[in-house]
Amino acid sequence: MFEIRVICDSPDVPRVAQAVLGSVHAMSVRRYPTRDRARTRLYITAEHRSTHQDCPGCDGDGLALWFLPDGSQQQRPCTGLSADALHAAGLTQASSRREPWQRTTDH
């Protein structure tokens, strides 16, 4: 298990989170503002990417439908998080919520 810390501009959080979460098996995601409140800190506790069997975010093929900021949709690597979990953690466009996310079951 390892932890990834990312500091980025707040509007870039969904794009950055998608890139990171698509390459690991996330165990938890936490989001906090930087001290100056100008940017966002993401802390992602993860393991190496799994096979995605019984995954809540995809059909086991490792790909999920992503809704992009311009309104289009694309098949991209699955994060292993459900759409609700991504939204609750503030990792989707226009999400105002910032609840930490923790995986409750192993896949």
C-alpha atoms as a PDB file:
ATOM      1  CA  MET A   1       0.000   0.000   0.000  1.00  0.00           C
ATOM      2  CA  PHE A   2       1.208   3.541  -0.698  1.00  0.00           C
ATOM      3  CA  GLU A   3      -0.041   7.128  -0.501  1.00  0.00           C
ATOM      4  CA  ILE A   4      -0.058   9.683  -3.284  1.00  0.00           C
ATOM      5  CA  ARG A   5      -0.205  13.406  -2.524  1.00  0.00           C
ATOM      6  CA  VAL A   6      -1.190  15.764  -5.307  1.00  0.00           C
ATOM      7  CA  ILE A   7      -1.361  19.548  -5.127  1.00  0.00           C
ATOM      8  CA  CYS A   8      -3.220  21.167  -8.009  1.00  0.00           C
ATOM      9  CA  ASP A   9      -5.478  24.071  -8.924  1.00  0.00           C
ATOM     10  CA  SER A  10      -8.990  23.411  -7.650  1.00  0.00           C
ATOM     11  CA  PRO A  11     -10.657  23.457 -11.095  1.00  0.00           C
ATOM     12  CA  ASP A  12      -8.197  20.751 -12.218  1.00  0.00           C
ATOM     13  CA  VAL A  13      -9.123  18.300  -9.427  1.00  0.00           C
ATOM     14  CA  PRO A  14     -11.542  16.126 -11.494  1.00  0.00           C
ATOM     15  CA  ARG A  15      -9.050  15.762 -14.373  1.00  0.00           C
ATOM     16  CA  VAL A  16      -6.087  15.074 -12.097  1.00  0.00           C
ATOM     17  CA  ALA A  17      -8.066  12.663  -9.894  1.00  0.00           C
ATOM     18  CA  GLN A  18      -9.242  10.756 -12.962  1.00  0.00           C
ATOM     19  CA  ALA A  19      -5.685  10.361 -14.222  1.00  0.00           C
ATOM     20  CA  VAL A  20      -4.332   9.133 -10.888  1.00  0.00           C
ATOM     21  CA  LEU A  21      -7.299   6.969  -9.878  1.00  0.00           C
ATOM     22  CA  GLY A  22      -7.370   5.296 -13.295  1.00  0.00           C
ATOM     23  CA  SER A  23      -3.925   3.841 -12.680  1.00  0.00           C
ATOM     24  CA  VAL A  24      -4.248   2.562  -9.080  1.00  0.00           C
ATOM     25  CA  HIS A  25      -6.635   0.643  -6.843  1.00  0.00           C
ATOM     26  CA  ALA A  26      -7.747   3.395  -4.452  1.00  0.00           C
ATOM     27  CA  MET A  27      -8.387   2.544  -0.813  1.00  0.00           C
ATOM     28  CA  SER A  28      -9.205   6.083   0.355  1.00  0.00           C
ATOM     29  CA  VAL A  29      -9.346   9.623  -1.024  1.00  0.00           C
ATOM     30  CA  ARG A  30      -9.129  12.792   1.033  1.00  0.00           C
ATOM     31  CA  ARG A  31      -9.345  16.356  -0.245  1.00  0.00           C
ATOM     32  CA  TYR A  32      -8.221  19.492   1.596  1.00  0.00           C
ATOM     33  CA  PRO A  33      -7.477  23.094   0.611  1.00  0.00           C
ATOM     34  CA  THR A  34      -3.855  24.254   0.725  1.00  0.00           C
ATOM     35  CA  ARG A  35      -2.883  26.597   3.554  1.00  0.00           C
ATOM     36  CA  ASP A  36      -3.333  29.631   1.332  1.00  0.00           C
ATOM     37  CA  ARG A  37      -6.650  28.199   0.043  1.00  0.00           C
ATOM     38  CA  ALA A  38      -5.493  28.850  -3.533  1.00  0.00           C
ATOM     39  CA  ARG A  39      -5.161  25.175  -4.508  1.00  0.00           C
ATOM     40  CA  THR A  40      -6.268  21.706  -3.428  1.00  0.00           C
ATOM     41  CA  ARG A  41      -4.369  18.828  -1.804  1.00  0.00           C
ATOM     42  CA  LEU A  42      -5.493  15.295  -2.670  1.00  0.00           C
ATOM     43  CA  TYR A  43      -4.314  12.346  -0.582  1.00  0.00           C
ATOM     44  CA  ILE A  44      -4.950   8.977  -2.209  1.00  0.00           C
ATOM     45  CA  THR A  45      -4.132   5.784  -0.337  1.00  0.00           C
ATOM     46  CA  ALA A  46      -3.831   3.022  -2.908  1.00  0.00           C
ATOM     47  CA  GLU A  47      -2.546  -0.351  -3.979  1.00  0.00           C
ATOM     48  CA  HIS A  48      -1.427  -1.464  -7.408  1.00  0.00           C
ATOM     49  CA  ARG A  49      -4.285  -1.646  -9.909  1.00  0.00           C
ATOM     50  CA  SER A  50      -6.523  -4.689  -9.479  1.00  0.00           C
ATOM     51  CA  THR A  51      -8.306  -6.828 -12.058  1.00  0.00           C
ATOM     52  CA  HIS A  52     -11.605  -5.009 -11.359  1.00  0.00           C
ATOM     53  CA  GLN A  53     -13.630  -8.169 -10.869  1.00  0.00           C
ATOM     54  CA  ASP A  54     -16.867  -7.262  -9.031  1.00  0.00           C
ATOM     55  CA  CYS A  55     -15.985  -3.576  -9.362  1.00  0.00           C
ATOM     56  CA  PRO A  56     -18.772  -1.046  -8.560  1.00  0.00           C
ATOM     57  CA  GLY A  57     -17.475   1.375 -11.201  1.00  0.00           C
ATOM     58  CA  CYS A  58     -17.210  -0.885 -14.258  1.00  0.00           C
ATOM     59  CA  ASP A  59     -18.355  -4.222 -15.629  1.00  0.00           C
ATOM     60  CA  GLY A  60     -15.100  -5.942 -14.709  1.00  0.00           C
ATOM     61  CA  ASP A  61     -13.300  -4.859 -17.881  1.00  0.00           C
ATOM     62  CA  GLY A  62     -11.374  -2.023 -16.202  1.00  0.00           C
ATOM     63  CA  LEU A  63     -13.113   0.690 -18.239  1.00  0.00           C
ATOM     64  CA  ALA A  64     -15.846   3.076 -17.101  1.00  0.00           C
ATOM     65  CA  LEU A  65     -17.916   5.804 -18.725  1.00  0.00           C
ATOM     66  CA  TRP A  66     -16.552   9.229 -17.770  1.00  0.00           C
ATOM     67  CA  PHE A  67     -18.618  12.399 -18.065  1.00  0.00           C
ATOM     68  CA  LEU A  68     -16.233  15.114 -19.208  1.00  0.00           C
ATOM     69  CA  PRO A  69     -16.464  18.842 -18.342  1.00  0.00           C
ATOM     70  CA  ASP A  70     -17.527  19.714 -21.901  1.00  0.00           C
ATOM     71  CA  GLY A  71     -20.577  17.432 -21.559  1.00  0.00           C
ATOM     72  CA  SER A  72     -19.213  14.583 -23.681  1.00  0.00           C
ATOM     73  CA  GLN A  73     -18.604  11.027 -22.497  1.00  0.00           C
ATOM     74  CA  GLN A  74     -15.642   8.697 -22.991  1.00  0.00           C
ATOM     75  CA  GLN A  75     -14.593   5.209 -21.954  1.00  0.00           C
ATOM     76  CA  ARG A  76     -11.572   5.650 -19.678  1.00  0.00           C
ATOM     77  CA  PRO A  77      -9.728   3.542 -17.081  1.00  0.00           C
ATOM     78  CA  CYS A  78     -11.972   2.750 -14.145  1.00  0.00           C
ATOM     79  CA  THR A  79     -11.078   4.259 -10.777  1.00  0.00           C
ATOM     80  CA  GLY A  80     -12.789   1.499  -8.799  1.00  0.00           C
ATOM     81  CA  LEU A  81     -15.008   4.153  -7.194  1.00  0.00           C
ATOM     82  CA  SER A  82     -18.708   4.462  -7.904  1.00  0.00           C
ATOM     83  CA  ALA A  83     -20.028   7.717  -9.398  1.00  0.00           C
ATOM     84  CA  ASP A  84     -21.597   8.558  -6.023  1.00  0.00           C
ATOM     85  CA  ALA A  85     -18.281   8.077  -4.215  1.00  0.00           C
ATOM     86  CA  LEU A  86     -16.468  10.291  -6.733  1.00  0.00           C
ATOM     87  CA  HIS A  87     -19.104  13.005  -6.333  1.00  0.00           C
ATOM     88  CA  ALA A  88     -19.099  12.803  -2.522  1.00  0.00           C
ATOM     89  CA  ALA A  89     -15.319  13.175  -2.413  1.00  0.00           C
ATOM     90  CA  GLY A  90     -15.560  16.289  -4.604  1.00  0.00           C
ATOM     91  CA  LEU A  91     -13.816  14.625  -7.544  1.00  0.00           C
ATOM     92  CA  THR A  92     -16.404  15.397 -10.218  1.00  0.00           C
ATOM     93  CA  GLN A  93     -17.187  18.651 -11.995  1.00  0.00           C
ATOM     94  CA  ALA A  94     -19.451  20.999  -9.997  1.00  0.00           C
ATOM     95  CA  SER A  95     -19.305  18.847  -6.856  1.00  0.00           C
ATOM     96  CA  SER A  96     -19.380  21.055  -3.778  1.00  0.00           C
ATOM     97  CA  ARG A  97     -19.014  18.163  -1.348  1.00  0.00           C
ATOM     98  CA  ARG A  98     -15.656  17.262   0.203  1.00  0.00           C
ATOM     99  CA  GLU A  99     -16.252  14.104   2.234  1.00  0.00           C
ATOM    100  CA  PRO A 100     -13.327  11.697   2.633  1.00  0.00           C
ATOM    101  CA  TRP A 101     -13.919   8.420   0.810  1.00  0.00           C
ATOM    102  CA  GLN A 102     -12.884   5.060   2.250  1.00  0.00           C
ATOM    103  CA  ARG A 103     -13.254   1.679   0.508  1.00  0.00           C
ATOM    104  CA  THR A 104     -15.579  -0.481   2.595  1.00  0.00           C
ATOM    105  CA  THR A 105     -15.062  -3.789   0.810  1.00  0.00           C
ATOM    106  CA  ASP A 106     -12.077  -5.389  -0.888  1.00  0.00           C
ATOM    107  CA  HIS A 107     -12.347  -6.323  -4.553  1.00  0.00           C
END
